[in-house]
Amino acid sequence: MEQLGSRNLDPLAVGRVIGDVLDEFTKSVSLKVSYSSKEVSNGVELKPSQVANQPRVDIGGTDLREFYTLVMVDPDAPSPSVPSLREYLHWMVSDIPATTGATFGKELLCYESPRPTVGIHRFVFVLFRQLGRQTVYAPELRQNFSTKDFAELYNLGAPVAAVYFNCQKATGSGGRRI
């Protein structure tokens, strides 16, 4: 049993991303996700208005001949207590060259902004190294996606990086409805 004071307490495990979405893995590539000027760090809370537009995603790596796939999922859809749509796929980009960003890849599923209706949802970005270009395809449906099964289907192996944020329905009274 891991103690709370442990210096190696992985925030992905604390947030149950390890287990619900991913198996344990070792990060080997840098992944930076930013909404406007706000960088995503594990467990940070962002408002739906802050994540309405597609984020900037920068990835590391050293070999320009390597390509990556990025997926963004919500394992808490439609509700954290009853995640019957787990995982809901919000975004998928493949063929991202190392040392660049998602804009240099091929968008397989366009970005769908998070709009949780009940509870606090986790939104997880997962980066995989591809075996080659044009070796990954989008699923037919966004709901009930499985990051683990997807990785197995396309021989992607373990993730090379992941980061997540929390988001919940904006609260407030009055005002106009959008």
N, C-alpha and C. Protein backbone atom coordinates (compact mmCIF):
# COMPACT_ATOMS: atom_id res chain seq x y z
N MET A 1 0.83 -1.18 0.00
CA MET A 1 0.00 0.00 0.00
C MET A 1 0.88 1.24 0.00
N GLU A 2 0.59 2.17 -0.87
CA GLU A 2 1.41 3.38 -0.98
C GLU A 2 0.96 4.41 0.04
N GLN A 3 1.92 5.00 0.69
CA GLN A 3 1.61 6.01 1.70
C GLN A 3 1.40 7.36 1.05
N LEU A 4 0.56 8.18 1.68
CA LEU A 4 0.27 9.51 1.14
C LEU A 4 1.52 10.36 1.06
N GLY A 5 2.47 10.16 1.95
CA GLY A 5 3.68 10.97 1.95
C GLY A 5 4.71 10.52 0.93
N SER A 6 4.40 9.50 0.15
CA SER A 6 5.35 8.98 -0.81
C SER A 6 5.73 10.04 -1.85
N ARG A 7 7.02 10.11 -2.15
CA ARG A 7 7.47 11.11 -3.12
C ARG A 7 7.17 10.69 -4.55
N ASN A 8 6.78 9.44 -4.75
CA ASN A 8 6.50 8.95 -6.10
C ASN A 8 5.02 8.78 -6.38
N LEU A 9 4.16 9.47 -5.65
CA LEU A 9 2.73 9.35 -5.86
C LEU A 9 2.36 9.98 -7.20
N ASP A 10 2.01 9.14 -8.18
CA ASP A 10 1.71 9.59 -9.54
C ASP A 10 0.35 10.27 -9.57
N PRO A 11 0.26 11.53 -10.04
CA PRO A 11 -1.03 12.21 -10.10
C PRO A 11 -2.03 11.51 -11.02
N LEU A 12 -1.56 10.77 -12.01
CA LEU A 12 -2.46 10.03 -12.88
C LEU A 12 -3.11 8.87 -12.12
N ALA A 13 -2.38 8.30 -11.16
CA ALA A 13 -2.94 7.24 -10.33
C ALA A 13 -3.89 7.83 -9.29
N VAL A 14 -3.51 8.94 -8.69
CA VAL A 14 -4.36 9.60 -7.70
C VAL A 14 -5.69 9.99 -8.33
N GLY A 15 -5.68 10.49 -9.57
CA GLY A 15 -6.88 10.89 -10.27
C GLY A 15 -7.62 9.73 -10.93
N ARG A 16 -7.16 8.49 -10.67
CA ARG A 16 -7.75 7.27 -11.22
C ARG A 16 -7.73 7.21 -12.74
N VAL A 17 -6.85 8.01 -13.38
CA VAL A 17 -6.67 7.89 -14.83
C VAL A 17 -5.99 6.54 -15.10
N ILE A 18 -4.98 6.23 -14.25
CA ILE A 18 -4.38 4.90 -14.30
C ILE A 18 -5.43 3.98 -13.68
N GLY A 19 -5.88 3.03 -14.43
CA GLY A 19 -6.95 2.15 -13.97
C GLY A 19 -8.19 2.35 -14.81
N ASP A 20 -8.78 3.55 -14.78
CA ASP A 20 -10.00 3.81 -15.55
C ASP A 20 -9.73 3.95 -17.04
N VAL A 21 -8.59 4.56 -17.41
CA VAL A 21 -8.30 4.83 -18.82
C VAL A 21 -7.05 4.09 -19.29
N LEU A 22 -6.01 4.12 -18.47
CA LEU A 22 -4.70 3.59 -18.86
C LEU A 22 -4.17 2.59 -17.84
N ASP A 23 -3.28 1.73 -18.30
CA ASP A 23 -2.48 0.92 -17.39
C ASP A 23 -1.25 1.75 -17.04
N GLU A 24 -0.51 1.31 -16.04
CA GLU A 24 0.70 2.04 -15.67
C GLU A 24 1.65 2.07 -16.86
N PHE A 25 2.38 3.19 -16.99
CA PHE A 25 3.35 3.34 -18.07
C PHE A 25 4.43 4.30 -17.59
N THR A 26 5.50 4.36 -18.36
CA THR A 26 6.59 5.29 -18.06
C THR A 26 6.60 6.39 -19.11
N LYS A 27 6.49 7.62 -18.65
CA LYS A 27 6.50 8.76 -19.57
C LYS A 27 7.88 8.86 -20.22
N SER A 28 7.89 8.99 -21.56
CA SER A 28 9.17 9.07 -22.26
C SER A 28 9.25 10.24 -23.24
N VAL A 29 8.14 10.97 -23.42
CA VAL A 29 8.10 12.10 -24.35
C VAL A 29 7.37 13.25 -23.65
N SER A 30 7.81 14.47 -23.88
CA SER A 30 7.11 15.60 -23.27
C SER A 30 5.81 15.89 -24.02
N LEU A 31 4.80 16.28 -23.25
CA LEU A 31 3.49 16.62 -23.80
C LEU A 31 3.02 17.87 -23.07
N LYS A 32 2.82 18.95 -23.84
CA LYS A 32 2.37 20.21 -23.26
C LYS A 32 1.05 20.59 -23.93
N VAL A 33 0.00 20.72 -23.11
CA VAL A 33 -1.33 21.09 -23.59
C VAL A 33 -1.69 22.42 -22.97
N SER A 34 -2.08 23.39 -23.80
CA SER A 34 -2.42 24.72 -23.30
C SER A 34 -3.71 25.23 -23.93
N TYR A 35 -4.56 25.80 -23.08
CA TYR A 35 -5.76 26.50 -23.53
C TYR A 35 -5.48 27.98 -23.32
N SER A 36 -5.42 28.73 -24.40
CA SER A 36 -4.98 30.14 -24.35
C SER A 36 -3.63 30.15 -23.66
N SER A 37 -3.51 30.82 -22.54
CA SER A 37 -2.21 30.86 -21.86
C SER A 37 -2.16 29.92 -20.67
N LYS A 38 -3.22 29.11 -20.46
CA LYS A 38 -3.30 28.23 -19.30
C LYS A 38 -2.82 26.83 -19.66
N GLU A 39 -1.67 26.43 -19.09
CA GLU A 39 -1.15 25.10 -19.35
C GLU A 39 -1.87 24.07 -18.49
N VAL A 40 -2.20 22.94 -19.09
CA VAL A 40 -2.87 21.86 -18.37
C VAL A 40 -1.84 21.10 -17.54
N SER A 41 -2.13 20.98 -16.25
CA SER A 41 -1.33 20.12 -15.38
C SER A 41 -2.29 19.14 -14.74
N ASN A 42 -1.81 17.98 -14.35
CA ASN A 42 -2.67 16.93 -13.84
C ASN A 42 -3.54 17.40 -12.69
N GLY A 43 -4.86 17.26 -12.89
CA GLY A 43 -5.81 17.59 -11.84
C GLY A 43 -6.25 19.03 -11.76
N VAL A 44 -5.70 19.91 -12.61
CA VAL A 44 -6.10 21.31 -12.58
C VAL A 44 -7.57 21.41 -12.98
N GLU A 45 -8.29 22.36 -12.38
CA GLU A 45 -9.70 22.55 -12.73
C GLU A 45 -9.81 23.67 -13.76
N LEU A 46 -10.48 23.38 -14.86
CA LEU A 46 -10.73 24.36 -15.90
C LEU A 46 -12.23 24.47 -16.14
N LYS A 47 -12.69 25.65 -16.44
CA LYS A 47 -14.11 25.89 -16.70
C LYS A 47 -14.42 25.55 -18.16
N PRO A 48 -15.68 25.16 -18.45
CA PRO A 48 -16.04 24.88 -19.84
C PRO A 48 -15.70 26.04 -20.78
N SER A 49 -15.86 27.27 -20.32
CA SER A 49 -15.54 28.42 -21.17
C SER A 49 -14.05 28.49 -21.50
N GLN A 50 -13.19 27.96 -20.61
CA GLN A 50 -11.75 27.98 -20.85
C GLN A 50 -11.31 26.92 -21.84
N VAL A 51 -12.12 25.87 -22.02
CA VAL A 51 -11.74 24.75 -22.88
C VAL A 51 -12.64 24.63 -24.12
N ALA A 52 -13.35 25.72 -24.43
CA ALA A 52 -14.27 25.71 -25.56
C ALA A 52 -13.55 25.55 -26.89
N ASN A 53 -12.37 26.14 -27.00
CA ASN A 53 -11.60 26.06 -28.25
C ASN A 53 -10.49 25.03 -28.15
N GLN A 54 -10.17 24.46 -29.28
CA GLN A 54 -9.12 23.45 -29.36
C GLN A 54 -7.83 23.95 -28.71
N PRO A 55 -7.18 23.12 -27.90
CA PRO A 55 -5.95 23.55 -27.24
C PRO A 55 -4.74 23.49 -28.17
N ARG A 56 -3.69 24.16 -27.75
CA ARG A 56 -2.39 24.01 -28.42
C ARG A 56 -1.70 22.82 -27.77
N VAL A 57 -1.19 21.93 -28.59
CA VAL A 57 -0.52 20.74 -28.08
C VAL A 57 0.87 20.67 -28.69
N ASP A 58 1.87 20.65 -27.82
CA ASP A 58 3.26 20.52 -28.26
C ASP A 58 3.82 19.22 -27.72
N ILE A 59 4.48 18.48 -28.59
CA ILE A 59 5.08 17.23 -28.15
C ILE A 59 6.58 17.25 -28.38
N GLY A 60 7.25 16.44 -27.60
CA GLY A 60 8.71 16.35 -27.68
C GLY A 60 9.13 15.26 -28.65
N GLY A 61 10.11 14.50 -28.22
CA GLY A 61 10.69 13.49 -29.08
C GLY A 61 11.95 14.05 -29.70
N THR A 62 12.72 13.17 -30.30
CA THR A 62 13.98 13.60 -30.89
C THR A 62 14.13 13.21 -32.35
N ASP A 63 13.45 12.16 -32.75
CA ASP A 63 13.59 11.66 -34.11
C ASP A 63 12.44 12.18 -34.96
N LEU A 64 12.74 13.03 -35.93
CA LEU A 64 11.71 13.62 -36.78
C LEU A 64 11.00 12.59 -37.65
N ARG A 65 11.53 11.37 -37.70
CA ARG A 65 10.87 10.32 -38.47
C ARG A 65 9.85 9.57 -37.63
N GLU A 66 9.71 9.96 -36.35
CA GLU A 66 8.71 9.33 -35.48
C GLU A 66 7.41 10.12 -35.54
N PHE A 67 6.29 9.40 -35.46
CA PHE A 67 4.98 10.03 -35.50
C PHE A 67 4.16 9.57 -34.29
N TYR A 68 3.25 10.44 -33.88
CA TYR A 68 2.48 10.20 -32.67
C TYR A 68 0.99 10.36 -32.93
N THR A 69 0.20 9.70 -32.08
CA THR A 69 -1.26 9.84 -32.08
C THR A 69 -1.67 10.40 -30.73
N LEU A 70 -2.57 11.39 -30.77
CA LEU A 70 -3.10 12.01 -29.56
C LEU A 70 -4.59 11.71 -29.48
N VAL A 71 -5.04 11.24 -28.32
CA VAL A 71 -6.47 11.09 -28.09
C VAL A 71 -6.84 11.89 -26.84
N MET A 72 -8.07 12.42 -26.84
CA MET A 72 -8.61 13.12 -25.69
C MET A 72 -9.93 12.44 -25.34
N VAL A 73 -10.03 11.93 -24.11
CA VAL A 73 -11.23 11.20 -23.71
C VAL A 73 -11.79 11.72 -22.39
N ASP A 74 -13.08 11.47 -22.20
CA ASP A 74 -13.78 11.75 -20.95
C ASP A 74 -14.24 10.41 -20.39
N PRO A 75 -13.58 9.89 -19.35
CA PRO A 75 -13.99 8.61 -18.78
C PRO A 75 -15.20 8.73 -17.86
N ASP A 76 -15.73 9.94 -17.69
CA ASP A 76 -16.83 10.17 -16.75
C ASP A 76 -18.15 10.53 -17.43
N ALA A 77 -18.28 10.25 -18.72
CA ALA A 77 -19.50 10.62 -19.46
C ALA A 77 -20.57 9.55 -19.29
N PRO A 78 -21.81 9.94 -19.16
CA PRO A 78 -22.31 11.31 -19.01
C PRO A 78 -22.25 11.82 -17.58
N SER A 79 -22.00 10.91 -16.62
CA SER A 79 -21.97 11.28 -15.22
C SER A 79 -20.90 10.45 -14.52
N PRO A 80 -20.09 11.06 -13.63
CA PRO A 80 -19.06 10.29 -12.94
C PRO A 80 -19.62 9.10 -12.14
N SER A 81 -20.85 9.22 -11.64
CA SER A 81 -21.42 8.11 -10.86
C SER A 81 -21.97 7.00 -11.75
N VAL A 82 -22.34 7.33 -12.99
CA VAL A 82 -22.83 6.34 -13.95
C VAL A 82 -22.18 6.64 -15.31
N PRO A 83 -20.91 6.24 -15.48
CA PRO A 83 -20.20 6.58 -16.73
C PRO A 83 -20.53 5.61 -17.86
N SER A 84 -21.79 5.56 -18.26
CA SER A 84 -22.26 4.58 -19.25
C SER A 84 -21.71 4.81 -20.65
N LEU A 85 -21.16 6.00 -20.92
CA LEU A 85 -20.56 6.27 -22.23
C LEU A 85 -19.04 6.20 -22.19
N ARG A 86 -18.50 5.79 -21.03
CA ARG A 86 -17.05 5.71 -20.85
C ARG A 86 -16.43 4.92 -21.97
N GLU A 87 -15.40 5.36 -22.55
CA GLU A 87 -14.83 6.69 -22.56
C GLU A 87 -15.45 7.43 -23.73
N TYR A 88 -15.71 8.71 -23.56
CA TYR A 88 -16.22 9.52 -24.66
C TYR A 88 -15.03 10.19 -25.32
N LEU A 89 -14.90 9.98 -26.63
CA LEU A 89 -13.74 10.48 -27.38
C LEU A 89 -14.01 11.90 -27.86
N HIS A 90 -13.25 12.86 -27.35
CA HIS A 90 -13.44 14.26 -27.70
C HIS A 90 -12.57 14.73 -28.86
N TRP A 91 -11.45 14.03 -29.09
CA TRP A 91 -10.53 14.51 -30.13
C TRP A 91 -9.54 13.41 -30.47
N MET A 92 -9.15 13.34 -31.75
CA MET A 92 -8.12 12.38 -32.15
C MET A 92 -7.31 12.97 -33.30
N VAL A 93 -5.99 12.97 -33.12
CA VAL A 93 -5.06 13.46 -34.14
C VAL A 93 -3.96 12.41 -34.31
N SER A 94 -3.67 12.04 -35.54
CA SER A 94 -2.59 11.07 -35.79
C SER A 94 -1.51 11.70 -36.65
N ASP A 95 -0.46 10.96 -36.88
CA ASP A 95 0.64 11.37 -37.75
C ASP A 95 1.26 12.72 -37.34
N ILE A 96 1.38 12.94 -36.03
CA ILE A 96 2.02 14.17 -35.54
C ILE A 96 3.53 13.92 -35.51
N PRO A 97 4.30 14.68 -36.28
CA PRO A 97 5.76 14.47 -36.26
C PRO A 97 6.35 14.87 -34.91
N ALA A 98 7.38 14.14 -34.49
CA ALA A 98 8.08 14.47 -33.24
C ALA A 98 8.55 15.92 -33.29
N THR A 99 8.63 16.53 -32.14
CA THR A 99 9.11 17.91 -31.92
C THR A 99 8.18 18.97 -32.51
N THR A 100 6.94 18.59 -32.85
CA THR A 100 6.00 19.58 -33.39
C THR A 100 4.77 19.63 -32.49
N GLY A 101 3.62 19.86 -33.09
CA GLY A 101 2.38 19.91 -32.34
C GLY A 101 1.25 19.30 -33.12
N ALA A 102 0.08 19.25 -32.48
CA ALA A 102 -1.09 18.60 -33.08
C ALA A 102 -1.49 19.23 -34.41
N THR A 103 -1.21 20.52 -34.60
CA THR A 103 -1.59 21.18 -35.85
C THR A 103 -0.83 20.62 -37.05
N PHE A 104 0.28 19.91 -36.79
CA PHE A 104 1.07 19.32 -37.87
C PHE A 104 0.62 17.90 -38.18
N GLY A 105 -0.33 17.37 -37.40
CA GLY A 105 -0.82 16.03 -37.62
C GLY A 105 -2.07 16.01 -38.46
N LYS A 106 -2.68 14.85 -38.55
CA LYS A 106 -3.92 14.65 -39.31
C LYS A 106 -5.06 14.47 -38.32
N GLU A 107 -6.00 15.43 -38.33
CA GLU A 107 -7.12 15.35 -37.41
C GLU A 107 -8.10 14.29 -37.90
N LEU A 108 -8.24 13.20 -37.12
CA LEU A 108 -9.13 12.11 -37.48
C LEU A 108 -10.54 12.35 -36.96
N LEU A 109 -10.65 12.98 -35.80
CA LEU A 109 -11.93 13.40 -35.24
C LEU A 109 -11.75 14.82 -34.73
N CYS A 110 -12.61 15.72 -35.17
CA CYS A 110 -12.46 17.12 -34.78
C CYS A 110 -12.69 17.30 -33.28
N TYR A 111 -12.11 18.36 -32.75
CA TYR A 111 -12.21 18.69 -31.34
C TYR A 111 -13.65 18.98 -30.95
N GLU A 112 -14.13 18.30 -29.94
CA GLU A 112 -15.45 18.57 -29.39
C GLU A 112 -15.24 19.08 -27.97
N SER A 113 -15.63 20.32 -27.73
CA SER A 113 -15.34 20.95 -26.44
C SER A 113 -16.11 20.27 -25.31
N PRO A 114 -15.46 20.15 -24.15
CA PRO A 114 -16.10 19.55 -22.99
C PRO A 114 -17.28 20.39 -22.50
N ARG A 115 -18.41 19.72 -22.26
CA ARG A 115 -19.60 20.37 -21.71
C ARG A 115 -20.25 19.44 -20.70
N PRO A 116 -19.58 19.17 -19.58
CA PRO A 116 -20.17 18.26 -18.60
C PRO A 116 -21.48 18.83 -18.04
N THR A 117 -22.47 17.96 -17.83
CA THR A 117 -23.76 18.41 -17.30
C THR A 117 -23.92 18.04 -15.82
N VAL A 118 -23.26 16.97 -15.38
CA VAL A 118 -23.39 16.52 -14.00
C VAL A 118 -22.02 16.14 -13.46
N GLY A 119 -21.68 16.65 -12.30
CA GLY A 119 -20.45 16.24 -11.61
C GLY A 119 -19.18 16.78 -12.22
N ILE A 120 -18.06 16.35 -11.64
CA ILE A 120 -16.73 16.75 -12.09
C ILE A 120 -16.21 15.66 -13.02
N HIS A 121 -15.86 16.06 -14.23
CA HIS A 121 -15.35 15.11 -15.23
C HIS A 121 -13.85 15.29 -15.40
N ARG A 122 -13.19 14.16 -15.69
CA ARG A 122 -11.76 14.18 -16.04
C ARG A 122 -11.66 14.15 -17.55
N PHE A 123 -10.80 14.98 -18.10
CA PHE A 123 -10.54 14.98 -19.54
C PHE A 123 -9.07 14.65 -19.70
N VAL A 124 -8.81 13.54 -20.39
CA VAL A 124 -7.48 12.95 -20.44
C VAL A 124 -6.90 13.03 -21.85
N PHE A 125 -5.70 13.58 -21.96
CA PHE A 125 -4.95 13.58 -23.21
C PHE A 125 -3.92 12.46 -23.11
N VAL A 126 -3.89 11.58 -24.12
CA VAL A 126 -2.96 10.46 -24.12
C VAL A 126 -2.19 10.50 -25.45
N LEU A 127 -0.89 10.36 -25.34
CA LEU A 127 -0.02 10.38 -26.52
C LEU A 127 0.62 9.01 -26.71
N PHE A 128 0.52 8.49 -27.94
CA PHE A 128 1.13 7.21 -28.31
C PHE A 128 2.12 7.41 -29.44
N ARG A 129 3.19 6.63 -29.47
CA ARG A 129 4.11 6.60 -30.60
C ARG A 129 3.56 5.61 -31.62
N GLN A 130 3.45 6.03 -32.87
CA GLN A 130 2.95 5.17 -33.94
C GLN A 130 4.08 4.33 -34.52
N LEU A 131 3.70 3.22 -35.15
CA LEU A 131 4.68 2.38 -35.83
C LEU A 131 5.08 2.96 -37.18
N GLY A 132 4.24 3.79 -37.74
CA GLY A 132 4.51 4.42 -39.03
C GLY A 132 3.40 5.41 -39.34
N ARG A 133 3.52 6.09 -40.46
CA ARG A 133 2.47 7.07 -40.84
C ARG A 133 1.25 6.35 -41.38
N GLN A 134 0.11 6.99 -41.22
CA GLN A 134 -1.16 6.50 -41.74
C GLN A 134 -1.45 5.07 -41.32
N THR A 135 -1.20 4.78 -40.05
CA THR A 135 -1.43 3.44 -39.52
C THR A 135 -2.55 3.43 -38.49
N VAL A 136 -3.18 4.58 -38.25
CA VAL A 136 -4.22 4.71 -37.24
C VAL A 136 -5.46 5.32 -37.89
N TYR A 137 -6.63 4.81 -37.52
CA TYR A 137 -7.88 5.30 -38.09
C TYR A 137 -8.88 5.63 -36.99
N ALA A 138 -9.79 6.54 -37.30
CA ALA A 138 -10.81 6.96 -36.32
C ALA A 138 -11.86 5.87 -36.16
N PRO A 139 -12.38 5.73 -34.94
CA PRO A 139 -13.49 4.80 -34.74
C PRO A 139 -14.78 5.38 -35.32
N GLU A 140 -15.80 4.55 -35.47
CA GLU A 140 -17.08 5.01 -36.01
C GLU A 140 -17.85 5.87 -35.01
N LEU A 141 -17.71 5.56 -33.73
CA LEU A 141 -18.46 6.26 -32.69
C LEU A 141 -17.53 6.92 -31.67
N ARG A 142 -17.98 8.01 -31.10
CA ARG A 142 -17.20 8.67 -30.05
C ARG A 142 -17.44 8.03 -28.68
N GLN A 143 -18.69 7.57 -28.43
CA GLN A 143 -18.99 7.02 -27.12
C GLN A 143 -18.49 5.59 -26.99
N ASN A 144 -18.23 5.18 -25.74
CA ASN A 144 -17.75 3.84 -25.41
C ASN A 144 -16.44 3.48 -26.11
N PHE A 145 -15.62 4.49 -26.34
CA PHE A 145 -14.26 4.30 -26.87
C PHE A 145 -13.42 3.70 -25.75
N SER A 146 -12.45 2.90 -26.07
CA SER A 146 -11.51 2.37 -25.08
C SER A 146 -10.09 2.69 -25.53
N THR A 147 -9.43 3.53 -24.77
CA THR A 147 -8.05 3.89 -25.10
C THR A 147 -7.16 2.65 -25.11
N LYS A 148 -7.35 1.77 -24.15
CA LYS A 148 -6.53 0.54 -24.07
C LYS A 148 -6.76 -0.34 -25.29
N ASP A 149 -8.04 -0.55 -25.67
CA ASP A 149 -8.34 -1.39 -26.84
C ASP A 149 -7.83 -0.75 -28.12
N PHE A 150 -7.96 0.56 -28.23
CA PHE A 150 -7.47 1.30 -29.38
C PHE A 150 -5.95 1.09 -29.54
N ALA A 151 -5.22 1.23 -28.45
CA ALA A 151 -3.77 1.05 -28.49
C ALA A 151 -3.40 -0.37 -28.91
N GLU A 152 -4.17 -1.34 -28.42
CA GLU A 152 -3.91 -2.73 -28.78
C GLU A 152 -4.22 -2.99 -30.26
N LEU A 153 -5.34 -2.46 -30.73
CA LEU A 153 -5.77 -2.66 -32.12
C LEU A 153 -4.71 -2.16 -33.11
N TYR A 154 -4.09 -1.02 -32.80
CA TYR A 154 -3.12 -0.43 -33.73
C TYR A 154 -1.67 -0.63 -33.30
N ASN A 155 -1.45 -1.58 -32.40
CA ASN A 155 -0.08 -1.92 -31.96
C ASN A 155 0.71 -0.69 -31.50
N LEU A 156 0.05 0.17 -30.72
CA LEU A 156 0.71 1.39 -30.28
C LEU A 156 1.53 1.19 -29.01
N GLY A 157 1.30 0.11 -28.32
CA GLY A 157 2.02 -0.13 -27.08
C GLY A 157 1.54 0.80 -25.98
N ALA A 158 2.38 0.95 -24.97
CA ALA A 158 2.03 1.81 -23.84
C ALA A 158 2.10 3.28 -24.27
N PRO A 159 1.33 4.13 -23.61
CA PRO A 159 1.43 5.57 -23.90
C PRO A 159 2.85 6.07 -23.64
N VAL A 160 3.20 7.17 -24.27
CA VAL A 160 4.49 7.80 -24.00
C VAL A 160 4.32 9.04 -23.13
N ALA A 161 3.06 9.53 -23.03
CA ALA A 161 2.77 10.67 -22.16
C ALA A 161 1.25 10.77 -21.97
N ALA A 162 0.85 11.40 -20.87
CA ALA A 162 -0.57 11.66 -20.62
C ALA A 162 -0.69 12.81 -19.63
N VAL A 163 -1.77 13.55 -19.74
CA VAL A 163 -2.08 14.63 -18.80
C VAL A 163 -3.59 14.78 -18.77
N TYR A 164 -4.12 15.21 -17.60
CA TYR A 164 -5.57 15.38 -17.54
C TYR A 164 -5.94 16.61 -16.74
N PHE A 165 -7.16 17.10 -17.00
CA PHE A 165 -7.71 18.20 -16.21
C PHE A 165 -9.13 17.83 -15.80
N ASN A 166 -9.63 18.54 -14.79
CA ASN A 166 -11.00 18.37 -14.32
C ASN A 166 -11.85 19.51 -14.82
N CYS A 167 -13.12 19.23 -15.07
CA CYS A 167 -14.04 20.26 -15.56
C CYS A 167 -15.44 19.90 -15.08
N GLN A 168 -16.20 20.92 -14.70
CA GLN A 168 -17.59 20.71 -14.32
C GLN A 168 -18.45 21.81 -14.90
N LYS A 169 -19.75 21.54 -14.92
CA LYS A 169 -20.69 22.51 -15.46
C LYS A 169 -20.52 23.84 -14.75
N ALA A 170 -20.51 24.91 -15.52
CA ALA A 170 -20.40 26.24 -14.94
C ALA A 170 -21.63 26.51 -14.08
N THR A 171 -21.38 27.03 -12.88
CA THR A 171 -22.49 27.33 -11.99
C THR A 171 -22.83 28.80 -12.07
N GLY A 172 -23.97 29.13 -11.57
CA GLY A 172 -24.37 30.53 -11.58
C GLY A 172 -25.87 30.61 -11.76
N SER A 173 -26.43 31.72 -11.37
CA SER A 173 -27.86 31.88 -11.54
C SER A 173 -28.13 33.08 -12.42
N GLY A 174 -29.25 33.01 -13.07
CA GLY A 174 -29.61 34.10 -13.97
C GLY A 174 -28.76 34.09 -15.23
N GLY A 175 -28.70 35.22 -15.87
CA GLY A 175 -27.92 35.29 -17.12
C GLY A 175 -28.65 34.63 -18.25
N ARG A 176 -28.08 34.70 -19.42
CA ARG A 176 -28.77 34.10 -20.55
C ARG A 176 -28.26 32.69 -20.81
N ARG A 177 -29.09 31.92 -21.42
CA ARG A 177 -28.73 30.56 -21.79
C ARG A 177 -28.15 30.56 -23.18
N ILE A 178 -27.19 29.73 -23.36
CA ILE A 178 -26.56 29.66 -24.68
C ILE A 178 -26.99 28.40 -25.38
